[in-house]
Amino acid sequence: MANNNSRAKNAFLASISGVAEQLASYLGSFIFRTVFLYVLSANYLGISSLFTNILQVFSLTELGIGSVIAFNMYKPIKEGDNKTCAQLLNFYKNVYRGIALVTLLMGACFYPFIDAIIADPGNIPNDVDLNVVYWLFVLQSSFSYLCVYRQSLINADQKGYLISTANSVYNIAINLVKIILLLLTANYTLVLAAGIAINMVYNLLISHWAKKLYPSIVSQSKERLSKERKISIFKETGALMCHKVGGVVVNSTDSIILSSFIGVVTVGLYSNYQLISSALDLFLNKVFGSFVPTIGNALLDADDGAKFDLYQRLRFINIWAAAYCAICFFLLINPFIELWLGDGYLLDMSVVTVLSLHFYWNSSRIINVSFVNASGLFVKDRARPLIQAVLNLVISIVAVIKLGIVGVFLGTFLSTLFTSAWREGIVLHKFLFHSSARNYFECYLSWFALSLVVAVALDSAFVYLPSGLLGFFAKFAFATVAINLVFAIVFRKDQGFIYMKNLLSNLIGKMRQ
């Protein structure tokens, strides 16, 4: 089923559906977590967060080959080359079967060391069998690899909005079922098992749906890639594997380090902050990361000037949104947690500050990552994520011993600042835009300085606003107006701002029609 929509329409649909998906996902998760904490306790959350992070480390077995195959599918999908798509899909299927098996084996190898990564075993609830819970997570992760490969067709065809729409319905349904089970049974393991079972059924249904959408491709099950093409993909995967390793180590080891040095209860407290920051980060990723197929399609026939203009416009909007979210997170996350769960679930402001800084630098780079992935430039930057991963582990472990909880997140932030924050700009400008990266550094430094001034000024002003529910909404409204007003005044003559203003104006005009 060919995609006849324009690039702009595909990007718009991807963004809107992606936002709807994240709203459904995190609103459902937020309500479920609220019920969860009132029925059970933070100890249970710590267990879930810990095992989720362990399985994310196991996901290194995927090596990023899915992204490489998706990148290779852009051109044949656009040209209607079903044979090549079938070859790539069948190769993807066979590789993922192997990955599912390796994940099971890794789960078995790590199994004897579960107790060693929990510093406070006395805080594990009596009704939780860690062995059962661990294997439930492992089985879910392994099974997902057997079904997910067909989704690459939908995403490469710029129809990721279909997946996002289906995910929205799924997220609402699964959280509703888990809430009902939790209220009826108050049994953590049963609720977890039910959620995993529903997830497996959903993955099967999505796989079957993809088969129905692309029958002429899926039916060619005997098509095989040439040896040369396989070697080429594995070479590209080797480069992307470095990015995969770096990303997993940086983003998925905080809970493991916390559990090992501080305790599983602290992991539970952090997971509440992580839920909110991840919701904001994934929201931005859905908005801007959804442009990857569209960017990949556009880069096929654009000159350097057109590529750079597109990049500058999207980067401006990306940094604006990331700065707004980061400042609001810094100012409002503790008042929100206190209203939601009580002051017993609060982390120190030093932790909030470092989490906010990392969120800012991480989320403001989404468009950079999108352009790197869409253009295949991850091959040129294979060493950087490995260096970042080593820095993250070394700094986090040393800092957690000397500084406590804040040290874990300091390592994550500093490893990003010392590597990704500058390296991506150099790679993009040198190999894609063929120009100086001076504009890149000026842009990010000016945005960071302005955001820092705004955050400090608002934090000082907030002492004059009331506390409680009314005060929270007053602070949120005041911050929203002040942040965006300052940004609009400072950047009113910037081409990115003019583009964003026209884009919003056109969008509002179409909505009124």
Foldseek 3Di string as FASTA:
>chain_A
DADPDDLVVLLVLLLVLLLLLLCLQLVLVLVLVLLLCVLDHLLLLLLVLQLVLVLLLLCLLVLCLLLLLLLVVLVCSNVVVLLVNLQSLLVQLVSLLVSLVVLVVVLVVCLVCPVLLAPCVVSRDPLDDSSLVNVLSSNLSSLLSNQCSLVSSCLSSSNCSVVSNLSSVLSNVLSVVLSVCCVVPVRSSVSSNSSSVSVSVSSNVVSVVSCVVCVVNNVPNVRHDDPVVVVVSVLLSLLSSLVSNLVSLLPRCLSSLCRNQPGSSLSSLVVVLVSLLVSLLSSLCSSQVSCLSSLLNVLVDDDLVVNVVVLVLSLVVQLLSQLLSLLCQLQFVQLVCCQSPRNVSDDDSLLSVLSSLQSNLVRSCSSLVSNCSSVSVSSVVRVQSNQLSVQLVVQLNVQCVVPNSSSNSNSSNVSCVVGVSPPSLVSCCVPRNNHDSPVVVVVVVVSVVVSVVLSVVLNVVLVPFDGDPVSSVVSVVVSVVVSVVVVCVVCVPPPSSVVVVVVVVVVVVVVVD
